[in-house]
N, C-alpha and C. Protein backbone atom coordinates (compact mmCIF):
# COMPACT_ATOMS: atom_id res chain seq x y z
N MET A 1 -118.24 188.37 -11.75
CA MET A 1 -117.11 188.62 -12.62
C MET A 1 -117.49 189.74 -13.59
N PRO A 2 -116.64 190.74 -13.76
CA PRO A 2 -116.96 191.85 -14.65
C PRO A 2 -117.04 191.41 -16.11
N ALA A 3 -117.77 192.19 -16.85
CA ALA A 3 -117.92 191.90 -18.28
C ALA A 3 -116.61 192.18 -19.00
N ASP A 4 -116.35 191.38 -19.98
CA ASP A 4 -115.18 191.54 -20.83
C ASP A 4 -115.59 192.45 -21.98
N ARG A 5 -114.93 193.55 -22.17
CA ARG A 5 -115.33 194.51 -23.20
C ARG A 5 -114.52 194.34 -24.45
N SER A 6 -115.22 194.15 -25.55
CA SER A 6 -114.55 194.08 -26.84
C SER A 6 -114.23 195.49 -27.29
N ALA A 7 -113.26 195.61 -28.14
CA ALA A 7 -112.94 196.92 -28.69
C ALA A 7 -114.14 197.45 -29.44
N GLY A 8 -114.29 198.76 -29.43
CA GLY A 8 -115.41 199.38 -30.13
C GLY A 8 -115.43 199.01 -31.60
N ALA A 9 -116.59 198.77 -32.09
CA ALA A 9 -116.76 198.42 -33.50
C ALA A 9 -117.74 199.40 -34.11
N THR A 10 -117.81 199.40 -35.40
CA THR A 10 -118.84 200.20 -36.06
C THR A 10 -119.65 199.29 -36.94
N LEU A 11 -120.93 199.56 -36.97
CA LEU A 11 -121.85 198.79 -37.79
C LEU A 11 -122.75 199.80 -38.46
N SER A 12 -122.70 199.88 -39.77
CA SER A 12 -123.48 200.85 -40.53
C SER A 12 -123.24 202.26 -40.01
N GLY A 13 -121.99 202.59 -39.74
CA GLY A 13 -121.65 203.93 -39.29
C GLY A 13 -122.00 204.18 -37.83
N GLU A 14 -122.36 203.15 -37.10
CA GLU A 14 -122.78 203.29 -35.71
C GLU A 14 -121.69 202.76 -34.79
N ASP A 15 -121.43 203.47 -33.68
CA ASP A 15 -120.46 203.06 -32.69
C ASP A 15 -121.09 201.97 -31.82
N VAL A 16 -120.47 200.80 -31.78
CA VAL A 16 -121.01 199.65 -31.03
C VAL A 16 -119.94 199.14 -30.08
N GLU A 17 -120.34 198.92 -28.83
CA GLU A 17 -119.45 198.29 -27.86
C GLU A 17 -120.05 196.94 -27.48
N VAL A 18 -119.25 195.90 -27.58
CA VAL A 18 -119.70 194.56 -27.21
C VAL A 18 -119.10 194.23 -25.84
N ARG A 19 -119.97 193.80 -24.93
CA ARG A 19 -119.51 193.40 -23.61
C ARG A 19 -119.84 191.92 -23.42
N ARG A 20 -118.79 191.13 -23.20
CA ARG A 20 -118.97 189.68 -22.98
C ARG A 20 -119.02 189.42 -21.49
N SER A 21 -119.88 188.50 -21.11
CA SER A 21 -120.02 188.15 -19.70
C SER A 21 -120.01 186.64 -19.53
N SER A 22 -119.18 186.15 -18.60
CA SER A 22 -119.13 184.72 -18.34
C SER A 22 -120.38 184.27 -17.58
N ARG A 23 -121.10 185.19 -16.96
CA ARG A 23 -122.34 184.84 -16.24
C ARG A 23 -123.52 184.74 -17.19
N ARG A 24 -123.43 185.34 -18.32
CA ARG A 24 -124.51 185.31 -19.31
C ARG A 24 -124.39 184.01 -20.10
N ARG A 25 -125.47 183.25 -20.20
CA ARG A 25 -125.43 181.96 -20.89
C ARG A 25 -126.06 182.00 -22.28
N ARG A 26 -127.27 182.54 -22.38
CA ARG A 26 -127.98 182.50 -23.66
C ARG A 26 -128.52 183.86 -24.10
N THR A 27 -128.73 184.75 -23.16
CA THR A 27 -129.42 186.00 -23.50
C THR A 27 -128.48 187.03 -24.10
N VAL A 28 -129.05 187.84 -24.96
CA VAL A 28 -128.35 188.95 -25.59
C VAL A 28 -129.20 190.18 -25.37
N THR A 29 -128.58 191.27 -24.97
CA THR A 29 -129.29 192.51 -24.69
C THR A 29 -128.55 193.65 -25.37
N ALA A 30 -129.31 194.65 -25.79
CA ALA A 30 -128.69 195.84 -26.39
C ALA A 30 -129.42 197.08 -25.91
N TYR A 31 -128.66 198.16 -25.75
CA TYR A 31 -129.23 199.44 -25.35
C TYR A 31 -128.31 200.56 -25.79
N ARG A 32 -128.81 201.79 -25.71
CA ARG A 32 -128.01 202.97 -26.06
C ARG A 32 -127.41 203.54 -24.78
N GLU A 33 -126.15 203.96 -24.89
CA GLU A 33 -125.47 204.57 -23.75
C GLU A 33 -124.48 205.59 -24.27
N SER A 34 -124.65 206.82 -23.89
CA SER A 34 -123.72 207.90 -24.25
C SER A 34 -123.42 207.94 -25.75
N GLY A 35 -124.45 207.85 -26.57
CA GLY A 35 -124.29 207.98 -28.00
C GLY A 35 -123.79 206.74 -28.73
N ARG A 36 -123.70 205.62 -28.04
CA ARG A 36 -123.28 204.39 -28.72
C ARG A 36 -124.22 203.26 -28.33
N THR A 37 -124.12 202.18 -29.07
CA THR A 37 -124.91 200.99 -28.78
C THR A 37 -124.05 200.02 -27.99
N VAL A 38 -124.59 199.50 -26.90
CA VAL A 38 -123.90 198.51 -26.09
C VAL A 38 -124.66 197.19 -26.26
N VAL A 39 -123.93 196.14 -26.63
CA VAL A 39 -124.53 194.82 -26.79
C VAL A 39 -123.87 193.89 -25.78
N LEU A 40 -124.72 193.26 -24.94
CA LEU A 40 -124.23 192.32 -23.93
C LEU A 40 -124.45 190.91 -24.45
N ILE A 41 -123.37 190.12 -24.50
CA ILE A 41 -123.46 188.75 -25.03
C ILE A 41 -122.74 187.78 -24.09
N PRO A 42 -123.06 186.49 -24.22
CA PRO A 42 -122.32 185.49 -23.44
C PRO A 42 -120.85 185.43 -23.88
N ALA A 43 -119.97 185.20 -22.93
CA ALA A 43 -118.54 185.12 -23.23
C ALA A 43 -118.22 183.96 -24.17
N ALA A 44 -119.03 182.92 -24.15
CA ALA A 44 -118.76 181.72 -24.96
C ALA A 44 -119.09 181.89 -26.44
N PHE A 45 -119.70 183.00 -26.82
CA PHE A 45 -120.05 183.19 -28.24
C PHE A 45 -118.80 183.25 -29.11
N SER A 46 -118.88 182.62 -30.27
CA SER A 46 -117.79 182.68 -31.25
C SER A 46 -117.82 184.05 -31.92
N PRO A 47 -116.74 184.44 -32.59
CA PRO A 47 -116.75 185.72 -33.31
C PRO A 47 -117.89 185.81 -34.33
N ALA A 48 -118.21 184.69 -34.97
CA ALA A 48 -119.30 184.69 -35.96
C ALA A 48 -120.65 184.91 -35.26
N GLU A 49 -120.85 184.25 -34.11
CA GLU A 49 -122.09 184.46 -33.36
C GLU A 49 -122.19 185.90 -32.87
N GLU A 50 -121.07 186.43 -32.41
CA GLU A 50 -121.05 187.82 -31.96
C GLU A 50 -121.48 188.75 -33.09
N GLN A 51 -120.88 188.57 -34.25
CA GLN A 51 -121.18 189.43 -35.39
C GLN A 51 -122.67 189.34 -35.77
N ARG A 52 -123.19 188.13 -35.80
CA ARG A 52 -124.60 187.93 -36.15
C ARG A 52 -125.52 188.59 -35.13
N TRP A 53 -125.25 188.36 -33.84
CA TRP A 53 -126.10 188.91 -32.80
C TRP A 53 -125.99 190.43 -32.71
N VAL A 54 -124.81 190.98 -32.89
CA VAL A 54 -124.66 192.44 -32.85
C VAL A 54 -125.48 193.07 -33.97
N ALA A 55 -125.36 192.52 -35.18
CA ALA A 55 -126.14 193.06 -36.31
C ALA A 55 -127.64 192.97 -36.03
N GLN A 56 -128.07 191.84 -35.49
CA GLN A 56 -129.49 191.65 -35.20
C GLN A 56 -129.98 192.62 -34.12
N MET A 57 -129.22 192.80 -33.07
CA MET A 57 -129.65 193.66 -31.97
C MET A 57 -129.61 195.14 -32.36
N VAL A 58 -128.64 195.54 -33.15
CA VAL A 58 -128.59 196.93 -33.62
C VAL A 58 -129.81 197.21 -34.50
N ALA A 59 -130.13 196.27 -35.39
CA ALA A 59 -131.31 196.43 -36.25
C ALA A 59 -132.59 196.52 -35.42
N LYS A 60 -132.67 195.69 -34.40
CA LYS A 60 -133.85 195.69 -33.52
C LYS A 60 -134.00 197.03 -32.80
N LEU A 61 -132.90 197.56 -32.28
CA LEU A 61 -132.94 198.86 -31.62
C LEU A 61 -133.36 199.96 -32.58
N GLN A 62 -132.80 199.94 -33.79
CA GLN A 62 -133.14 200.96 -34.78
C GLN A 62 -134.62 200.90 -35.14
N THR A 63 -135.16 199.70 -35.30
CA THR A 63 -136.58 199.53 -35.62
C THR A 63 -137.44 200.07 -34.49
N ARG A 64 -137.10 199.73 -33.26
CA ARG A 64 -137.86 200.20 -32.11
C ARG A 64 -137.83 201.73 -32.02
N GLU A 65 -136.65 202.31 -32.23
CA GLU A 65 -136.53 203.77 -32.15
C GLU A 65 -137.30 204.46 -33.27
N GLU A 66 -137.25 203.88 -34.47
CA GLU A 66 -137.98 204.45 -35.59
C GLU A 66 -139.49 204.40 -35.34
N ARG A 67 -139.96 203.27 -34.83
CA ARG A 67 -141.39 203.14 -34.50
C ARG A 67 -141.78 204.19 -33.46
N ARG A 68 -140.92 204.38 -32.49
CA ARG A 68 -141.19 205.38 -31.44
C ARG A 68 -141.22 206.79 -32.04
N ARG A 69 -140.27 207.09 -32.92
CA ARG A 69 -140.25 208.42 -33.56
C ARG A 69 -141.53 208.67 -34.34
N ARG A 70 -141.97 207.66 -35.07
CA ARG A 70 -143.21 207.81 -35.85
C ARG A 70 -144.40 208.05 -34.94
N SER A 71 -144.47 207.33 -33.82
CA SER A 71 -145.63 207.47 -32.94
C SER A 71 -145.65 208.83 -32.25
N LEU A 72 -144.49 209.39 -31.94
CA LEU A 72 -144.45 210.70 -31.31
C LEU A 72 -144.52 211.82 -32.33
N GLY A 73 -144.22 211.52 -33.58
CA GLY A 73 -144.34 212.50 -34.65
C GLY A 73 -143.26 213.56 -34.62
N GLY A 74 -143.42 214.49 -35.54
CA GLY A 74 -142.48 215.59 -35.65
C GLY A 74 -142.95 216.81 -34.88
N ASP A 75 -142.41 217.95 -35.23
CA ASP A 75 -142.72 219.19 -34.53
C ASP A 75 -144.19 219.58 -34.65
N ASP A 76 -144.82 219.35 -35.80
CA ASP A 76 -146.23 219.70 -35.97
C ASP A 76 -147.10 218.88 -35.01
N GLU A 77 -146.80 217.58 -34.90
CA GLU A 77 -147.56 216.73 -33.99
C GLU A 77 -147.31 217.14 -32.53
N LEU A 78 -146.08 217.54 -32.25
CA LEU A 78 -145.75 217.99 -30.90
C LEU A 78 -146.53 219.25 -30.55
N MET A 79 -146.66 220.17 -31.49
CA MET A 79 -147.43 221.40 -31.27
C MET A 79 -148.91 221.06 -31.04
N ALA A 80 -149.45 220.14 -31.84
CA ALA A 80 -150.85 219.74 -31.68
C ALA A 80 -151.06 219.10 -30.31
N ARG A 81 -150.12 218.28 -29.89
CA ARG A 81 -150.23 217.64 -28.58
C ARG A 81 -150.15 218.69 -27.47
N ALA A 82 -149.27 219.67 -27.60
CA ALA A 82 -149.16 220.74 -26.59
C ALA A 82 -150.48 221.51 -26.49
N ARG A 83 -151.08 221.83 -27.61
CA ARG A 83 -152.37 222.54 -27.59
C ARG A 83 -153.45 221.70 -26.92
N ALA A 84 -153.48 220.41 -27.22
CA ALA A 84 -154.48 219.52 -26.62
C ALA A 84 -154.27 219.41 -25.11
N LEU A 85 -153.02 219.31 -24.67
CA LEU A 85 -152.73 219.23 -23.24
C LEU A 85 -153.07 220.54 -22.53
N SER A 86 -152.81 221.65 -23.18
CA SER A 86 -153.18 222.96 -22.62
C SER A 86 -154.68 223.03 -22.41
N ALA A 87 -155.44 222.62 -23.42
CA ALA A 87 -156.90 222.65 -23.32
C ALA A 87 -157.41 221.69 -22.25
N ALA A 88 -156.84 220.50 -22.18
CA ALA A 88 -157.33 219.46 -21.27
C ALA A 88 -156.97 219.72 -19.81
N HIS A 89 -155.81 220.29 -19.55
CA HIS A 89 -155.34 220.37 -18.17
C HIS A 89 -155.07 221.79 -17.67
N LEU A 90 -155.01 222.76 -18.57
CA LEU A 90 -154.64 224.11 -18.16
C LEU A 90 -155.62 225.16 -18.67
N ASP A 91 -156.85 224.74 -18.91
CA ASP A 91 -157.93 225.62 -19.36
C ASP A 91 -157.60 226.36 -20.66
N GLY A 92 -156.65 225.84 -21.43
CA GLY A 92 -156.29 226.44 -22.72
C GLY A 92 -155.54 227.75 -22.60
N VAL A 93 -155.12 228.10 -21.39
CA VAL A 93 -154.46 229.40 -21.17
C VAL A 93 -153.08 229.47 -21.84
N PRO A 94 -152.16 228.54 -21.56
CA PRO A 94 -150.86 228.66 -22.23
C PRO A 94 -150.98 228.33 -23.72
N GLN A 95 -150.53 229.24 -24.56
CA GLN A 95 -150.56 229.05 -26.00
C GLN A 95 -149.14 229.25 -26.55
N PRO A 96 -148.42 228.16 -26.79
CA PRO A 96 -147.05 228.32 -27.29
C PRO A 96 -147.02 228.80 -28.74
N ALA A 97 -145.98 229.55 -29.08
CA ALA A 97 -145.78 229.99 -30.46
C ALA A 97 -145.15 228.86 -31.27
N SER A 98 -144.29 228.07 -30.62
CA SER A 98 -143.68 226.91 -31.29
C SER A 98 -143.30 225.87 -30.25
N VAL A 99 -143.36 224.62 -30.69
CA VAL A 99 -142.94 223.49 -29.87
C VAL A 99 -142.16 222.59 -30.82
N ARG A 100 -140.93 222.24 -30.42
CA ARG A 100 -140.14 221.42 -31.33
C ARG A 100 -139.18 220.51 -30.57
N TRP A 101 -138.77 219.45 -31.27
CA TRP A 101 -137.75 218.54 -30.76
C TRP A 101 -136.39 219.16 -31.00
N VAL A 102 -135.45 219.00 -30.08
CA VAL A 102 -134.08 219.46 -30.28
C VAL A 102 -133.11 218.37 -29.86
N ASP A 103 -131.96 218.35 -30.49
CA ASP A 103 -130.94 217.34 -30.21
C ASP A 103 -129.83 217.85 -29.29
N ASN A 104 -129.87 219.13 -28.93
CA ASN A 104 -128.76 219.71 -28.17
C ASN A 104 -129.03 219.84 -26.67
N GLN A 105 -130.09 219.21 -26.17
CA GLN A 105 -130.36 219.27 -24.73
C GLN A 105 -130.00 217.93 -24.11
N ASN A 106 -128.82 217.88 -23.52
CA ASN A 106 -128.36 216.63 -22.92
C ASN A 106 -128.49 216.61 -21.41
N ARG A 107 -128.75 217.76 -20.80
CA ARG A 107 -128.88 217.82 -19.35
C ARG A 107 -130.29 218.17 -18.91
N ARG A 108 -131.12 218.58 -19.83
CA ARG A 108 -132.51 218.93 -19.52
C ARG A 108 -133.43 218.14 -20.42
N TRP A 109 -134.63 217.91 -19.93
CA TRP A 109 -135.64 217.22 -20.72
C TRP A 109 -136.41 218.20 -21.59
N GLY A 110 -136.51 219.43 -21.15
CA GLY A 110 -137.22 220.43 -21.92
C GLY A 110 -136.80 221.80 -21.47
N SER A 111 -137.17 222.80 -22.27
CA SER A 111 -136.91 224.18 -21.90
C SER A 111 -137.98 225.06 -22.53
N CYS A 112 -138.15 226.23 -21.92
CA CYS A 112 -139.18 227.15 -22.37
C CYS A 112 -138.63 228.56 -22.29
N THR A 113 -138.96 229.38 -23.28
CA THR A 113 -138.62 230.79 -23.26
C THR A 113 -139.95 231.55 -23.26
N PRO A 114 -140.42 231.96 -22.08
CA PRO A 114 -141.72 232.64 -22.00
C PRO A 114 -141.80 233.91 -22.84
N ALA A 115 -140.69 234.62 -23.00
CA ALA A 115 -140.71 235.88 -23.75
C ALA A 115 -141.19 235.70 -25.19
N ASP A 116 -140.78 234.59 -25.83
CA ASP A 116 -141.24 234.37 -27.22
C ASP A 116 -142.15 233.14 -27.33
N ARG A 117 -142.51 232.56 -26.16
CA ARG A 117 -143.46 231.44 -26.08
C ARG A 117 -143.00 230.21 -26.86
N THR A 118 -141.69 229.94 -26.81
CA THR A 118 -141.15 228.75 -27.49
C THR A 118 -140.85 227.66 -26.48
N ILE A 119 -141.12 226.43 -26.88
CA ILE A 119 -140.86 225.25 -26.06
C ILE A 119 -140.02 224.29 -26.88
N ARG A 120 -138.99 223.73 -26.21
CA ARG A 120 -138.12 222.76 -26.85
C ARG A 120 -138.07 221.52 -25.96
N LEU A 121 -138.21 220.35 -26.59
CA LEU A 121 -138.09 219.09 -25.86
C LEU A 121 -136.88 218.33 -26.37
N SER A 122 -136.15 217.76 -25.44
CA SER A 122 -134.98 216.96 -25.80
C SER A 122 -135.42 215.74 -26.59
N SER A 123 -134.73 215.46 -27.67
CA SER A 123 -135.05 214.28 -28.47
C SER A 123 -134.79 212.99 -27.69
N ARG A 124 -134.10 213.07 -26.55
CA ARG A 124 -133.91 211.89 -25.70
C ARG A 124 -135.25 211.36 -25.19
N LEU A 125 -136.25 212.23 -25.14
CA LEU A 125 -137.58 211.83 -24.67
C LEU A 125 -138.29 210.89 -25.64
N ARG A 126 -137.85 210.85 -26.89
CA ARG A 126 -138.52 210.02 -27.90
C ARG A 126 -138.54 208.54 -27.53
N SER A 127 -137.61 208.11 -26.71
CA SER A 127 -137.58 206.69 -26.33
C SER A 127 -138.35 206.42 -25.04
N MET A 128 -139.01 207.42 -24.51
CA MET A 128 -139.70 207.27 -23.23
C MET A 128 -141.21 207.13 -23.43
N PRO A 129 -141.90 206.65 -22.41
CA PRO A 129 -143.35 206.50 -22.52
C PRO A 129 -144.05 207.83 -22.83
N GLU A 130 -145.20 207.74 -23.51
CA GLU A 130 -145.93 208.95 -23.90
C GLU A 130 -146.29 209.82 -22.71
N TYR A 131 -146.69 209.22 -21.59
CA TYR A 131 -147.09 210.03 -20.44
C TYR A 131 -145.93 210.88 -19.93
N VAL A 132 -144.69 210.42 -20.12
CA VAL A 132 -143.52 211.19 -19.70
C VAL A 132 -143.33 212.38 -20.63
N VAL A 133 -143.47 212.16 -21.93
CA VAL A 133 -143.38 213.26 -22.90
C VAL A 133 -144.47 214.28 -22.61
N GLU A 134 -145.68 213.80 -22.34
CA GLU A 134 -146.79 214.72 -22.05
C GLU A 134 -146.52 215.51 -20.77
N TYR A 135 -145.97 214.87 -19.76
CA TYR A 135 -145.63 215.58 -18.53
C TYR A 135 -144.64 216.71 -18.81
N VAL A 136 -143.60 216.42 -19.57
CA VAL A 136 -142.61 217.46 -19.87
C VAL A 136 -143.27 218.60 -20.65
N LEU A 137 -144.16 218.26 -21.57
CA LEU A 137 -144.89 219.31 -22.30
C LEU A 137 -145.72 220.16 -21.34
N VAL A 138 -146.45 219.51 -20.44
CA VAL A 138 -147.26 220.26 -19.47
C VAL A 138 -146.36 221.15 -18.62
N HIS A 139 -145.25 220.61 -18.15
CA HIS A 139 -144.30 221.39 -17.35
C HIS A 139 -143.88 222.65 -18.09
N GLU A 140 -143.52 222.48 -19.36
CA GLU A 140 -143.08 223.65 -20.14
C GLU A 140 -144.24 224.60 -20.44
N LEU A 141 -145.43 224.07 -20.69
CA LEU A 141 -146.60 224.92 -20.91
C LEU A 141 -146.88 225.78 -19.68
N VAL A 142 -146.74 225.20 -18.50
CA VAL A 142 -146.98 225.97 -17.28
C VAL A 142 -145.99 227.12 -17.16
N HIS A 143 -144.78 226.95 -17.66
CA HIS A 143 -143.81 228.04 -17.63
C HIS A 143 -144.29 229.24 -18.44
N LEU A 144 -145.18 229.04 -19.39
CA LEU A 144 -145.72 230.18 -20.14
C LEU A 144 -146.65 231.02 -19.27
N VAL A 145 -147.16 230.43 -18.19
CA VAL A 145 -148.06 231.11 -17.27
C VAL A 145 -147.32 231.54 -16.01
N GLU A 146 -146.43 230.68 -15.55
CA GLU A 146 -145.69 230.91 -14.31
C GLU A 146 -144.22 230.55 -14.54
N PRO A 147 -143.35 231.56 -14.77
CA PRO A 147 -141.95 231.28 -15.11
C PRO A 147 -141.14 230.57 -14.02
N SER A 148 -141.45 230.82 -12.74
CA SER A 148 -140.64 230.22 -11.67
C SER A 148 -141.22 228.88 -11.22
N HIS A 149 -140.44 228.17 -10.43
CA HIS A 149 -140.88 226.88 -9.88
C HIS A 149 -141.46 227.11 -8.48
N ASP A 150 -142.44 227.98 -8.38
CA ASP A 150 -143.05 228.26 -7.08
C ASP A 150 -144.25 227.34 -6.84
N ALA A 151 -144.93 227.54 -5.73
CA ALA A 151 -146.06 226.69 -5.37
C ALA A 151 -147.17 226.74 -6.42
N ARG A 152 -147.44 227.90 -6.97
CA ARG A 152 -148.48 228.02 -8.01
C ARG A 152 -148.09 227.18 -9.23
N PHE A 153 -146.82 227.27 -9.61
CA PHE A 153 -146.32 226.50 -10.75
C PHE A 153 -146.61 225.01 -10.53
N TRP A 154 -146.19 224.47 -9.39
CA TRP A 154 -146.35 223.03 -9.15
C TRP A 154 -147.81 222.63 -9.02
N SER A 155 -148.66 223.53 -8.52
CA SER A 155 -150.09 223.17 -8.46
C SER A 155 -150.68 223.08 -9.87
N LEU A 156 -150.21 223.91 -10.78
CA LEU A 156 -150.68 223.82 -12.18
C LEU A 156 -150.14 222.55 -12.84
N VAL A 157 -148.89 222.23 -12.63
CA VAL A 157 -148.31 221.01 -13.20
C VAL A 157 -149.07 219.79 -12.68
N ALA A 158 -149.47 219.81 -11.42
CA ALA A 158 -150.16 218.68 -10.80
C ALA A 158 -151.53 218.42 -11.42
N ARG A 159 -152.02 219.31 -12.24
CA ARG A 159 -153.28 219.06 -12.93
C ARG A 159 -153.15 217.93 -13.95
N TYR A 160 -151.93 217.68 -14.38
CA TYR A 160 -151.71 216.54 -15.27
C TYR A 160 -151.75 215.29 -14.41
N PRO A 161 -152.68 214.37 -14.67
CA PRO A 161 -152.91 213.24 -13.76
C PRO A 161 -151.71 212.31 -13.53
N ARG A 162 -150.79 212.25 -14.46
CA ARG A 162 -149.66 211.33 -14.29
C ARG A 162 -148.36 212.08 -13.98
N ALA A 163 -148.49 213.28 -13.44
CA ALA A 163 -147.31 214.12 -13.18
C ALA A 163 -146.33 213.44 -12.22
N GLU A 164 -146.83 212.95 -11.09
CA GLU A 164 -145.93 212.34 -10.11
C GLU A 164 -145.25 211.09 -10.67
N ARG A 165 -146.00 210.29 -11.38
CA ARG A 165 -145.43 209.07 -11.97
C ARG A 165 -144.34 209.44 -12.98
N ALA A 166 -144.60 210.44 -13.82
CA ALA A 166 -143.63 210.86 -14.83
C ALA A 166 -142.38 211.44 -14.18
N ARG A 167 -142.56 212.25 -13.14
CA ARG A 167 -141.41 212.81 -12.44
C ARG A 167 -140.55 211.68 -11.85
N GLY A 168 -141.22 210.68 -11.28
CA GLY A 168 -140.48 209.54 -10.74
C GLY A 168 -139.71 208.79 -11.82
N PHE A 169 -140.34 208.64 -12.98
CA PHE A 169 -139.68 207.97 -14.10
C PHE A 169 -138.42 208.74 -14.50
N LEU A 170 -138.55 210.06 -14.66
CA LEU A 170 -137.41 210.88 -15.07
C LEU A 170 -136.31 210.89 -14.00
N GLU A 171 -136.70 210.91 -12.73
CA GLU A 171 -135.70 210.86 -11.66
C GLU A 171 -134.95 209.53 -11.71
N GLY A 172 -135.68 208.44 -12.00
CA GLY A 172 -135.04 207.13 -12.12
C GLY A 172 -134.07 207.08 -13.28
N VAL A 173 -134.47 207.65 -14.42
CA VAL A 173 -133.58 207.70 -15.58
C VAL A 173 -132.32 208.48 -15.24
N ASP A 174 -132.52 209.63 -14.60
CA ASP A 174 -131.39 210.47 -14.24
C ASP A 174 -130.47 209.77 -13.24
N SER A 175 -131.05 209.12 -12.26
CA SER A 175 -130.27 208.41 -11.26
C SER A 175 -129.49 207.26 -11.90
N GLY A 176 -130.16 206.53 -12.81
CA GLY A 176 -129.51 205.42 -13.51
C GLY A 176 -128.37 205.88 -14.39
N ALA A 177 -128.48 207.11 -14.88
CA ALA A 177 -127.42 207.65 -15.73
C ALA A 177 -126.26 208.18 -14.90
N GLY A 178 -126.44 208.18 -13.58
CA GLY A 178 -125.35 208.61 -12.70
C GLY A 178 -125.15 210.10 -12.64
N HIS A 179 -126.18 210.86 -12.97
CA HIS A 179 -126.02 212.31 -12.92
C HIS A 179 -126.07 212.86 -11.51
N GLY A 180 -126.73 212.11 -10.62
CA GLY A 180 -126.75 212.53 -9.22
C GLY A 180 -127.35 213.89 -9.01
N ARG A 181 -128.24 214.30 -9.87
CA ARG A 181 -128.88 215.60 -9.73
C ARG A 181 -130.03 215.52 -8.75
N PRO A 182 -130.47 216.65 -8.24
CA PRO A 182 -131.63 216.64 -7.34
C PRO A 182 -132.90 216.28 -8.09
N PRO A 183 -133.94 215.86 -7.37
CA PRO A 183 -135.21 215.52 -8.01
C PRO A 183 -135.78 216.68 -8.80
N ALA A 184 -136.60 216.39 -9.80
CA ALA A 184 -137.16 217.41 -10.69
C ALA A 184 -137.85 218.52 -9.94
N GLY A 185 -138.49 218.24 -8.83
CA GLY A 185 -139.19 219.27 -8.09
C GLY A 185 -138.25 220.22 -7.40
N ASP A 186 -137.02 219.85 -7.19
CA ASP A 186 -136.08 220.67 -6.45
C ASP A 186 -135.21 221.55 -7.34
N ASP A 187 -135.17 221.28 -8.60
CA ASP A 187 -134.31 222.04 -9.48
C ASP A 187 -134.96 222.10 -10.84
N ASP A 188 -134.19 222.07 -11.88
CA ASP A 188 -134.76 222.28 -13.20
C ASP A 188 -134.35 221.23 -14.21
N LEU A 189 -134.53 219.97 -13.88
CA LEU A 189 -134.29 218.92 -14.89
C LEU A 189 -135.17 219.19 -16.10
N VAL A 190 -136.37 219.58 -15.80
CA VAL A 190 -137.30 220.02 -16.83
C VAL A 190 -137.43 221.49 -16.58
N ASP A 191 -137.14 222.29 -17.55
CA ASP A 191 -137.15 223.72 -17.32
C ASP A 191 -137.71 224.35 -18.51
């Protein structure tokens, strides 16, 4: 039976969608989807229970995201991580001029401009495992040495030990989001 969707609500200025399910008995789940918070609750919950659980789950998501942001740090930490990854996996050859988080990349995980040696990572990566963020950084660092996605490019990216695992993770995220794009190796999800 499909979930019953409550009208969109706002909680602390946040867009929240509540989905009730008759198959759900006790569990409550929350996640982010297309810029809003989705909370899945049992259909039998009273309006008061719904309100309490929505507030609790939104707070839990915010805490988790804040903890993740702190662990990944800001632009300075991202630059330090890029330099460390360059030294560890690429013989220190690629030296970016800047590395920063951006909020305007919704179709790519990262981008690089070799001409001015700038790297930008989508802030969507902040909720992903560290090895995935590091993979995207390595991918962009390699673009400073090899602008195209040719065989040399991929052999350099493969120096990062968790490259295949990270690519699989990103392909899964993309597939789950319904983008239906080709795998990262075939196009430029990470560019």
